[in-house]
Amino acid sequence: MAGIGISHSQARVIDALARMGAVSQVRLAREFNISAASMSTMTARLIEAGLITRTVNPNETRSNIVELTPKGRELMSDIHTAWRDIDSLIVDTMGADDAAHIATLTRALRDRLGGKAPGAKQVKDTEKEMMS
């Protein structure tokens, strides 16, 4: 991510906002399972870079809404390219079968521990059973 001027954590926040749209800063912090203060630090850096905006929530003045700027949305292509490059490096290092197996196991572990990608919808237990 250094090649595009952001950290891995910042890329994940941008990706989550691309999926979630305008969202409260508190909800975004919950999605990442971090404190509101930590998310505030992260969003301040992204605001400084012109990648997101923060406005007062018109429905709750003690709350802020964050969302991507056009510059932030444009960066998504670079982020996805960087992630594909990482995936390619893993495949080149381990081989396609092992890389796919590790990816499957990692997602299964995340799901069984109740996790999800920030900004992604949680799959309900009944839907998980249907997929099994």
C-alpha atoms as a PDB file:
ATOM      1  CA  MET A   1       0.000   0.000   0.000  1.00  0.00           C
ATOM      2  CA  ALA A   2       2.985   2.265   0.463  1.00  0.00           C
ATOM      3  CA  GLY A   3       3.126   2.606  -3.323  1.00  0.00           C
ATOM      4  CA  ILE A   4      -0.240   4.397  -3.295  1.00  0.00           C
ATOM      5  CA  GLY A   5       0.470   6.463  -0.198  1.00  0.00           C
ATOM      6  CA  ILE A   6      -1.761   4.779   2.381  1.00  0.00           C
ATOM      7  CA  SER A   7      -1.372   2.087   5.018  1.00  0.00           C
ATOM      8  CA  HIS A   8      -3.029  -1.324   4.935  1.00  0.00           C
ATOM      9  CA  SER A   9      -5.399  -0.209   7.723  1.00  0.00           C
ATOM     10  CA  GLN A  10      -6.359   2.909   5.793  1.00  0.00           C
ATOM     11  CA  ALA A  11      -7.029   0.784   2.697  1.00  0.00           C
ATOM     12  CA  ARG A  12      -9.368  -1.409   4.736  1.00  0.00           C
ATOM     13  CA  VAL A  13     -11.286   1.643   6.012  1.00  0.00           C
ATOM     14  CA  ILE A  14     -11.610   3.014   2.475  1.00  0.00           C
ATOM     15  CA  ASP A  15     -12.817  -0.384   1.258  1.00  0.00           C
ATOM     16  CA  ALA A  16     -15.387  -0.606   4.066  1.00  0.00           C
ATOM     17  CA  LEU A  17     -16.682   2.886   3.291  1.00  0.00           C
ATOM     18  CA  ALA A  18     -16.969   1.962  -0.384  1.00  0.00           C
ATOM     19  CA  ARG A  19     -19.311  -0.872   0.652  1.00  0.00           C
ATOM     20  CA  MET A  20     -21.153   0.945   3.430  1.00  0.00           C
ATOM     21  CA  GLY A  21     -21.542   4.437   1.990  1.00  0.00           C
ATOM     22  CA  ALA A  22     -21.988   7.342   4.384  1.00  0.00           C
ATOM     23  CA  VAL A  23     -21.896   5.944   7.910  1.00  0.00           C
ATOM     24  CA  SER A  24     -21.410   7.138  11.474  1.00  0.00           C
ATOM     25  CA  GLN A  25     -17.853   7.116  12.699  1.00  0.00           C
ATOM     26  CA  VAL A  26     -18.972   5.075  15.725  1.00  0.00           C
ATOM     27  CA  ARG A  27     -20.518   2.378  13.507  1.00  0.00           C
ATOM     28  CA  LEU A  28     -17.356   2.278  11.431  1.00  0.00           C
ATOM     29  CA  ALA A  29     -15.299   1.785  14.608  1.00  0.00           C
ATOM     30  CA  ARG A  30     -17.620  -1.066  15.630  1.00  0.00           C
ATOM     31  CA  GLU A  31     -17.186  -2.705  12.214  1.00  0.00           C
ATOM     32  CA  PHE A  32     -13.441  -2.803  12.869  1.00  0.00           C
ATOM     33  CA  ASN A  33     -13.834  -3.709  16.540  1.00  0.00           C
ATOM     34  CA  ILE A  34     -11.724  -0.728  17.629  1.00  0.00           C
ATOM     35  CA  SER A  35     -12.368   2.221  19.912  1.00  0.00           C
ATOM     36  CA  ALA A  36     -14.037   5.376  18.656  1.00  0.00           C
ATOM     37  CA  ALA A  37     -10.844   7.255  19.571  1.00  0.00           C
ATOM     38  CA  SER A  38      -8.717   4.966  17.395  1.00  0.00           C
ATOM     39  CA  MET A  39     -11.138   5.367  14.495  1.00  0.00           C
ATOM     40  CA  SER A  40     -11.091   9.130  15.005  1.00  0.00           C
ATOM     41  CA  THR A  41      -7.301   9.107  14.583  1.00  0.00           C
ATOM     42  CA  MET A  42      -7.598   6.969  11.456  1.00  0.00           C
ATOM     43  CA  THR A  43     -10.315   9.120   9.902  1.00  0.00           C
ATOM     44  CA  ALA A  44      -8.406  12.323  10.683  1.00  0.00           C
ATOM     45  CA  ARG A  45      -5.506  11.072   8.557  1.00  0.00           C
ATOM     46  CA  LEU A  46      -7.842  10.094   5.723  1.00  0.00           C
ATOM     47  CA  ILE A  47      -9.540  13.506   5.883  1.00  0.00           C
ATOM     48  CA  GLU A  48      -6.132  15.194   5.745  1.00  0.00           C
ATOM     49  CA  ALA A  49      -5.334  13.164   2.618  1.00  0.00           C
ATOM     50  CA  GLY A  50      -8.632  14.247   1.016  1.00  0.00           C
ATOM     51  CA  LEU A  51      -9.917  10.658   0.844  1.00  0.00           C
ATOM     52  CA  ILE A  52     -12.947  10.994   3.138  1.00  0.00           C
ATOM     53  CA  THR A  53     -15.122  13.727   4.592  1.00  0.00           C
ATOM     54  CA  ARG A  54     -16.555  14.003   8.094  1.00  0.00           C
ATOM     55  CA  THR A  55     -19.737  15.950   8.789  1.00  0.00           C
ATOM     56  CA  VAL A  56     -22.005  16.308  11.792  1.00  0.00           C
ATOM     57  CA  ASN A  57     -24.896  13.862  11.655  1.00  0.00           C
ATOM     58  CA  PRO A  58     -28.022  15.976  11.052  1.00  0.00           C
ATOM     59  CA  ASN A  59     -30.104  13.468  13.046  1.00  0.00           C
ATOM     60  CA  GLU A  60     -27.710  13.241  16.013  1.00  0.00           C
ATOM     61  CA  THR A  61     -25.461  16.252  16.541  1.00  0.00           C
ATOM     62  CA  ARG A  62     -23.140  14.312  18.868  1.00  0.00           C
ATOM     63  CA  SER A  63     -22.344  11.933  16.003  1.00  0.00           C
ATOM     64  CA  ASN A  64     -20.218  12.340  12.870  1.00  0.00           C
ATOM     65  CA  ILE A  65     -20.849  10.877   9.436  1.00  0.00           C
ATOM     66  CA  VAL A  66     -17.872   9.820   7.318  1.00  0.00           C
ATOM     67  CA  GLU A  67     -17.898   9.016   3.619  1.00  0.00           C
ATOM     68  CA  LEU A  68     -15.547   8.702   0.693  1.00  0.00           C
ATOM     69  CA  THR A  69     -14.665  11.673  -1.451  1.00  0.00           C
ATOM     70  CA  PRO A  70     -14.376  11.264  -5.221  1.00  0.00           C
ATOM     71  CA  LYS A  71     -10.596  10.998  -4.670  1.00  0.00           C
ATOM     72  CA  GLY A  72     -11.210   8.191  -2.150  1.00  0.00           C
ATOM     73  CA  ARG A  73     -13.503   6.338  -4.561  1.00  0.00           C
ATOM     74  CA  GLU A  74     -10.900   6.645  -7.330  1.00  0.00           C
ATOM     75  CA  LEU A  75      -8.309   5.060  -5.027  1.00  0.00           C
ATOM     76  CA  MET A  76     -10.377   1.849  -4.775  1.00  0.00           C
ATOM     77  CA  SER A  77      -9.028   0.652  -8.121  1.00  0.00           C
ATOM     78  CA  ASP A  78      -5.434   1.073  -6.884  1.00  0.00           C
ATOM     79  CA  ILE A  79      -6.275  -0.688  -3.606  1.00  0.00           C
ATOM     80  CA  HIS A  80      -7.814  -3.657  -5.410  1.00  0.00           C
ATOM     81  CA  THR A  81      -4.815  -3.825  -7.748  1.00  0.00           C
ATOM     82  CA  ALA A  82      -2.453  -3.867  -4.747  1.00  0.00           C
ATOM     83  CA  TRP A  83      -4.501  -6.635  -3.111  1.00  0.00           C
ATOM     84  CA  ARG A  84      -4.449  -8.664  -6.340  1.00  0.00           C
ATOM     85  CA  ASP A  85      -0.659  -8.197  -6.481  1.00  0.00           C
ATOM     86  CA  ILE A  86      -0.395  -9.562  -2.931  1.00  0.00           C
ATOM     87  CA  ASP A  87      -2.605 -12.518  -3.879  1.00  0.00           C
ATOM     88  CA  SER A  88      -0.385 -13.193  -6.896  1.00  0.00           C
ATOM     89  CA  LEU A  89       2.720 -13.100  -4.729  1.00  0.00           C
ATOM     90  CA  ILE A  90       1.154 -15.626  -2.364  1.00  0.00           C
ATOM     91  CA  VAL A  91       0.174 -17.906  -5.261  1.00  0.00           C
ATOM     92  CA  ASP A  92       3.653 -17.588  -6.785  1.00  0.00           C
ATOM     93  CA  THR A  93       5.227 -18.446  -3.424  1.00  0.00           C
ATOM     94  CA  MET A  94       2.918 -21.282  -2.319  1.00  0.00           C
ATOM     95  CA  GLY A  95       1.214 -22.495  -5.437  1.00  0.00           C
ATOM     96  CA  ALA A  96      -2.426 -22.002  -6.383  1.00  0.00           C
ATOM     97  CA  ASP A  97      -3.820 -25.020  -4.511  1.00  0.00           C
ATOM     98  CA  ASP A  98      -2.122 -24.202  -1.186  1.00  0.00           C
ATOM     99  CA  ALA A  99      -2.989 -20.509  -1.461  1.00  0.00           C
ATOM    100  CA  ALA A 100      -6.653 -21.323  -2.131  1.00  0.00           C
ATOM    101  CA  HIS A 101      -6.710 -23.824   0.749  1.00  0.00           C
ATOM    102  CA  ILE A 102      -5.234 -21.306   3.202  1.00  0.00           C
ATOM    103  CA  ALA A 103      -7.686 -18.627   2.045  1.00  0.00           C
ATOM    104  CA  THR A 104     -10.606 -21.021   2.578  1.00  0.00           C
ATOM    105  CA  LEU A 105      -9.378 -22.034   6.032  1.00  0.00           C
ATOM    106  CA  THR A 106      -8.764 -18.432   7.059  1.00  0.00           C
ATOM    107  CA  ARG A 107     -12.275 -17.345   6.024  1.00  0.00           C
ATOM    108  CA  ALA A 108     -13.795 -20.359   7.795  1.00  0.00           C
ATOM    109  CA  LEU A 109     -11.905 -19.525  10.986  1.00  0.00           C
ATOM    110  CA  ARG A 110     -12.976 -15.858  10.788  1.00  0.00           C
ATOM    111  CA  ASP A 111     -16.609 -16.866  10.235  1.00  0.00           C
ATOM    112  CA  ARG A 112     -16.643 -19.441  13.028  1.00  0.00           C
ATOM    113  CA  LEU A 113     -15.200 -16.889  15.436  1.00  0.00           C
ATOM    114  CA  GLY A 114     -18.068 -14.549  14.533  1.00  0.00           C
ATOM    115  CA  GLY A 115     -15.990 -12.224  12.405  1.00  0.00           C
ATOM    116  CA  LYS A 116     -16.624 -10.627   9.063  1.00  0.00           C
ATOM    117  CA  ALA A 117     -14.941  -8.204   6.751  1.00  0.00           C
ATOM    118  CA  PRO A 118     -15.681  -4.654   7.955  1.00  0.00           C
ATOM    119  CA  GLY A 119     -18.635  -3.290   6.029  1.00  0.00           C
ATOM    120  CA  ALA A 120     -19.731  -6.728   4.809  1.00  0.00           C
ATOM    121  CA  LYS A 121     -23.057  -8.185   5.767  1.00  0.00           C
ATOM    122  CA  GLN A 122     -22.934 -10.935   8.381  1.00  0.00           C
ATOM    123  CA  VAL A 123     -24.109 -14.295   7.078  1.00  0.00           C
ATOM    124  CA  LYS A 124     -26.832 -15.670   9.348  1.00  0.00           C
ATOM    125  CA  ASP A 125     -26.337 -19.086  10.931  1.00  0.00           C
ATOM    126  CA  THR A 126     -29.218 -20.530   8.908  1.00  0.00           C
ATOM    127  CA  GLU A 127     -27.644 -19.264   5.681  1.00  0.00           C
ATOM    128  CA  LYS A 128     -24.298 -20.800   6.721  1.00  0.00           C
ATOM    129  CA  GLU A 129     -26.006 -24.149   7.291  1.00  0.00           C
ATOM    130  CA  MET A 130     -27.620 -23.983   3.850  1.00  0.00           C
ATOM    131  CA  MET A 131     -24.205 -23.338   2.269  1.00  0.00           C
ATOM    132  CA  SER A 132     -22.603 -26.311   4.042  1.00  0.00           C
END
